[in-house]
Amino acid sequence: MARRTPEVKPASPAAAIVLVLLFIVCFIIALWVLMALTRIVLG
């Protein structure tokens, strides 16, 4: 994944879809961590 091939363009739809999916996954993980922390703090 770290290798950058000249065939893949940054403005390609696939790259945009992957970026959106990564953003959604990170957002869901952040929400889950926040919920877990609030449960721990509230007991």
PDB file of N, CA and C in Angstrom:
ATOM      1  N   MET A   1       0.826  -1.204   0.000  1.00  0.00           N
ATOM      2  CA  MET A   1       0.000   0.000   0.000  1.00  0.00           C
ATOM      3  C   MET A   1       0.860   1.253   0.000  1.00  0.00           C
ATOM      4  N   ALA A   2       2.092   1.130   0.500  1.00  0.00           N
ATOM      5  CA  ALA A   2       2.963   2.301   0.572  1.00  0.00           C
ATOM      6  C   ALA A   2       3.589   2.615  -0.784  1.00  0.00           C
ATOM      7  N   ARG A   3       3.607   1.624  -1.685  1.00  0.00           N
ATOM      8  CA  ARG A   3       4.223   1.850  -3.000  1.00  0.00           C
ATOM      9  C   ARG A   3       3.299   2.683  -3.863  1.00  0.00           C
ATOM     10  N   ARG A   4       3.857   3.720  -4.487  1.00  0.00           N
ATOM     11  CA  ARG A   4       3.049   4.611  -5.320  1.00  0.00           C
ATOM     12  C   ARG A   4       3.321   4.281  -6.781  1.00  0.00           C
ATOM     13  N   THR A   5       2.284   3.804  -7.453  1.00  0.00           N
ATOM     14  CA  THR A   5       2.430   3.467  -8.870  1.00  0.00           C
ATOM     15  C   THR A   5       1.954   4.637  -9.713  1.00  0.00           C
ATOM     16  N   PRO A   6       2.643   4.950 -10.806  1.00  0.00           N
ATOM     17  CA  PRO A   6       2.262   6.088 -11.651  1.00  0.00           C
ATOM     18  C   PRO A   6       0.919   5.886 -12.334  1.00  0.00           C
ATOM     19  N   GLU A   7       0.425   4.629 -12.360  1.00  0.00           N
ATOM     20  CA  GLU A   7      -0.849   4.378 -13.038  1.00  0.00           C
ATOM     21  C   GLU A   7      -2.022   4.956 -12.244  1.00  0.00           C
ATOM     22  N   VAL A   8      -1.880   4.962 -10.922  1.00  0.00           N
ATOM     23  CA  VAL A   8      -2.981   5.452 -10.084  1.00  0.00           C
ATOM     24  C   VAL A   8      -2.879   6.967  -9.953  1.00  0.00           C
ATOM     25  N   LYS A   9      -3.928   7.659 -10.355  1.00  0.00           N
ATOM     26  CA  LYS A   9      -3.941   9.122 -10.237  1.00  0.00           C
ATOM     27  C   LYS A   9      -4.666   9.529  -8.951  1.00  0.00           C
ATOM     28  N   PRO A  10      -4.191  10.571  -8.287  1.00  0.00           N
ATOM     29  CA  PRO A  10      -4.815  11.009  -7.031  1.00  0.00           C
ATOM     30  C   PRO A  10      -6.263  11.446  -7.229  1.00  0.00           C
ATOM     31  N   ALA A  11      -6.609  11.906  -8.429  1.00  0.00           N
ATOM     32  CA  ALA A  11      -7.956  12.413  -8.681  1.00  0.00           C
ATOM     33  C   ALA A  11      -8.883  11.327  -9.217  1.00  0.00           C
ATOM     34  N   SER A  12      -8.424  10.075  -9.199  1.00  0.00           N
ATOM     35  CA  SER A  12      -9.263   8.995  -9.726  1.00  0.00           C
ATOM     36  C   SER A  12     -10.424   8.719  -8.774  1.00  0.00           C
ATOM     37  N   PRO A  13     -11.565   8.288  -9.301  1.00  0.00           N
ATOM     38  CA  PRO A  13     -12.727   8.003  -8.444  1.00  0.00           C
ATOM     39  C   PRO A  13     -12.432   6.919  -7.413  1.00  0.00           C
ATOM     40  N   ALA A  14     -11.641   5.933  -7.778  1.00  0.00           N
ATOM     41  CA  ALA A  14     -11.325   4.854  -6.835  1.00  0.00           C
ATOM     42  C   ALA A  14     -10.576   5.407  -5.624  1.00  0.00           C
ATOM     43  N   ALA A  15      -9.625   6.304  -5.863  1.00  0.00           N
ATOM     44  CA  ALA A  15      -8.864   6.884  -4.752  1.00  0.00           C
ATOM     45  C   ALA A  15      -9.792   7.697  -3.852  1.00  0.00           C
ATOM     46  N   ALA A  16     -10.720   8.433  -4.448  1.00  0.00           N
ATOM     47  CA  ALA A  16     -11.655   9.230  -3.650  1.00  0.00           C
ATOM     48  C   ALA A  16     -12.542   8.315  -2.808  1.00  0.00           C
ATOM     49  N   ILE A  17     -12.998   7.207  -3.406  1.00  0.00           N
ATOM     50  CA  ILE A  17     -13.853   6.269  -2.667  1.00  0.00           C
ATOM     51  C   ILE A  17     -13.078   5.658  -1.507  1.00  0.00           C
ATOM     52  N   VAL A  18     -11.823   5.298  -1.758  1.00  0.00           N
ATOM     53  CA  VAL A  18     -11.005   4.711  -0.686  1.00  0.00           C
ATOM     54  C   VAL A  18     -10.804   5.723   0.432  1.00  0.00           C
ATOM     55  N   LEU A  19     -10.551   6.985   0.078  1.00  0.00           N
ATOM     56  CA  LEU A  19     -10.359   8.017   1.099  1.00  0.00           C
ATOM     57  C   LEU A  19     -11.627   8.190   1.923  1.00  0.00           C
ATOM     58  N   VAL A  20     -12.786   8.197   1.263  1.00  0.00           N
ATOM     59  CA  VAL A  20     -14.055   8.355   1.987  1.00  0.00           C
ATOM     60  C   VAL A  20     -14.281   7.165   2.912  1.00  0.00           C
ATOM     61  N   LEU A  21     -13.994   5.954   2.423  1.00  0.00           N
ATOM     62  CA  LEU A  21     -14.180   4.767   3.266  1.00  0.00           C
ATOM     63  C   LEU A  21     -13.249   4.819   4.478  1.00  0.00           C
ATOM     64  N   LEU A  22     -11.996   5.223   4.264  1.00  0.00           N
ATOM     65  CA  LEU A  22     -11.062   5.328   5.384  1.00  0.00           C
ATOM     66  C   LEU A  22     -11.552   6.361   6.392  1.00  0.00           C
ATOM     67  N   PHE A  23     -12.073   7.498   5.884  1.00  0.00           N
ATOM     68  CA  PHE A  23     -12.577   8.543   6.775  1.00  0.00           C
ATOM     69  C   PHE A  23     -13.747   8.021   7.603  1.00  0.00           C
ATOM     70  N   ILE A  24     -14.661   7.276   6.959  1.00  0.00           N
ATOM     71  CA  ILE A  24     -15.826   6.737   7.671  1.00  0.00           C
ATOM     72  C   ILE A  24     -15.374   5.733   8.731  1.00  0.00           C
ATOM     73  N   VAL A  25     -14.427   4.871   8.372  1.00  0.00           N
ATOM     74  CA  VAL A  25     -13.945   3.868   9.330  1.00  0.00           C
ATOM     75  C   VAL A  25     -13.300   4.550  10.531  1.00  0.00           C
ATOM     76  N   CYS A  26     -12.470   5.558  10.277  1.00  0.00           N
ATOM     77  CA  CYS A  26     -11.817   6.278  11.379  1.00  0.00           C
ATOM     78  C   CYS A  26     -12.861   6.978  12.242  1.00  0.00           C
ATOM     79  N   PHE A  27     -13.895   7.537  11.603  1.00  0.00           N
ATOM     80  CA  PHE A  27     -14.948   8.239  12.347  1.00  0.00           C
ATOM     81  C   PHE A  27     -15.697   7.266  13.251  1.00  0.00           C
ATOM     82  N   ILE A  28     -16.013   6.072  12.720  1.00  0.00           N
ATOM     83  CA  ILE A  28     -16.731   5.069  13.517  1.00  0.00           C
ATOM     84  C   ILE A  28     -15.861   4.599  14.682  1.00  0.00           C
ATOM     85  N   ILE A  29     -14.572   4.393  14.422  1.00  0.00           N
ATOM     86  CA  ILE A  29     -13.667   3.959  15.494  1.00  0.00           C
ATOM     87  C   ILE A  29     -13.583   5.038  16.571  1.00  0.00           C
ATOM     88  N   ALA A  30     -13.510   6.301  16.155  1.00  0.00           N
ATOM     89  CA  ALA A  30     -13.437   7.401  17.124  1.00  0.00           C
ATOM     90  C   ALA A  30     -14.709   7.447  17.971  1.00  0.00           C
ATOM     91  N   LEU A  31     -15.865   7.275  17.331  1.00  0.00           N
ATOM     92  CA  LEU A  31     -17.128   7.275  18.083  1.00  0.00           C
ATOM     93  C   LEU A  31     -17.154   6.117  19.075  1.00  0.00           C
ATOM     94  N   TRP A  32     -16.706   4.931  18.649  1.00  0.00           N
ATOM     95  CA  TRP A  32     -16.711   3.765  19.529  1.00  0.00           C
ATOM     96  C   TRP A  32     -15.794   3.993  20.725  1.00  0.00           C
ATOM     97  N   VAL A  33     -14.620   4.594  20.482  1.00  0.00           N
ATOM     98  CA  VAL A  33     -13.682   4.872  21.579  1.00  0.00           C
ATOM     99  C   VAL A  33     -14.290   5.886  22.539  1.00  0.00           C
ATOM    100  N   LEU A  34     -14.954   6.914  21.996  1.00  0.00           N
ATOM    101  CA  LEU A  34     -15.583   7.914  22.868  1.00  0.00           C
ATOM    102  C   LEU A  34     -16.669   7.269  23.727  1.00  0.00           C
ATOM    103  N   MET A  35     -17.480   6.398  23.132  1.00  0.00           N
ATOM    104  CA  MET A  35     -18.532   5.724  23.896  1.00  0.00           C
ATOM    105  C   MET A  35     -17.921   4.849  24.984  1.00  0.00           C
ATOM    106  N   ALA A  36     -16.851   4.139  24.662  1.00  0.00           N
ATOM    107  CA  ALA A  36     -16.199   3.282  25.655  1.00  0.00           C
ATOM    108  C   ALA A  36     -15.619   4.128  26.791  1.00  0.00           C
ATOM    109  N   LEU A  37     -14.996   5.252  26.449  1.00  0.00           N
ATOM    110  CA  LEU A  37     -14.416   6.113  27.484  1.00  0.00           C
ATOM    111  C   LEU A  37     -15.504   6.692  28.374  1.00  0.00           C
ATOM    112  N   THR A  38     -16.618   7.128  27.782  1.00  0.00           N
ATOM    113  CA  THR A  38     -17.698   7.689  28.603  1.00  0.00           C
ATOM    114  C   THR A  38     -18.278   6.619  29.523  1.00  0.00           C
ATOM    115  N   ARG A  39     -18.383   5.387  29.039  1.00  0.00           N
ATOM    116  CA  ARG A  39     -18.879   4.306  29.898  1.00  0.00           C
ATOM    117  C   ARG A  39     -17.926   4.072  31.061  1.00  0.00           C
ATOM    118  N   ILE A  40     -16.617   4.125  30.785  1.00  0.00           N
ATOM    119  CA  ILE A  40     -15.629   3.901  31.850  1.00  0.00           C
ATOM    120  C   ILE A  40     -15.687   5.052  32.857  1.00  0.00           C
ATOM    121  N   VAL A  41     -15.796   6.281  32.353  1.00  0.00           N
ATOM    122  CA  VAL A  41     -15.800   7.445  33.252  1.00  0.00           C
ATOM    123  C   VAL A  41     -17.076   7.468  34.087  1.00  0.00           C
ATOM    124  N   LEU A  42     -18.214   7.205  33.452  1.00  0.00           N
ATOM    125  CA  LEU A  42     -19.487   7.235  34.182  1.00  0.00           C
ATOM    126  C   LEU A  42     -19.657   6.000  35.060  1.00  0.00           C
ATOM    127  N   GLY A  43     -18.912   4.952  34.773  1.00  0.00           N
ATOM    128  CA  GLY A  43     -19.000   3.742  35.574  1.00  0.00           C
ATOM    129  C   GLY A  43     -20.291   2.997  35.320  1.00  0.00           C
TER     130      GLY A  43
END
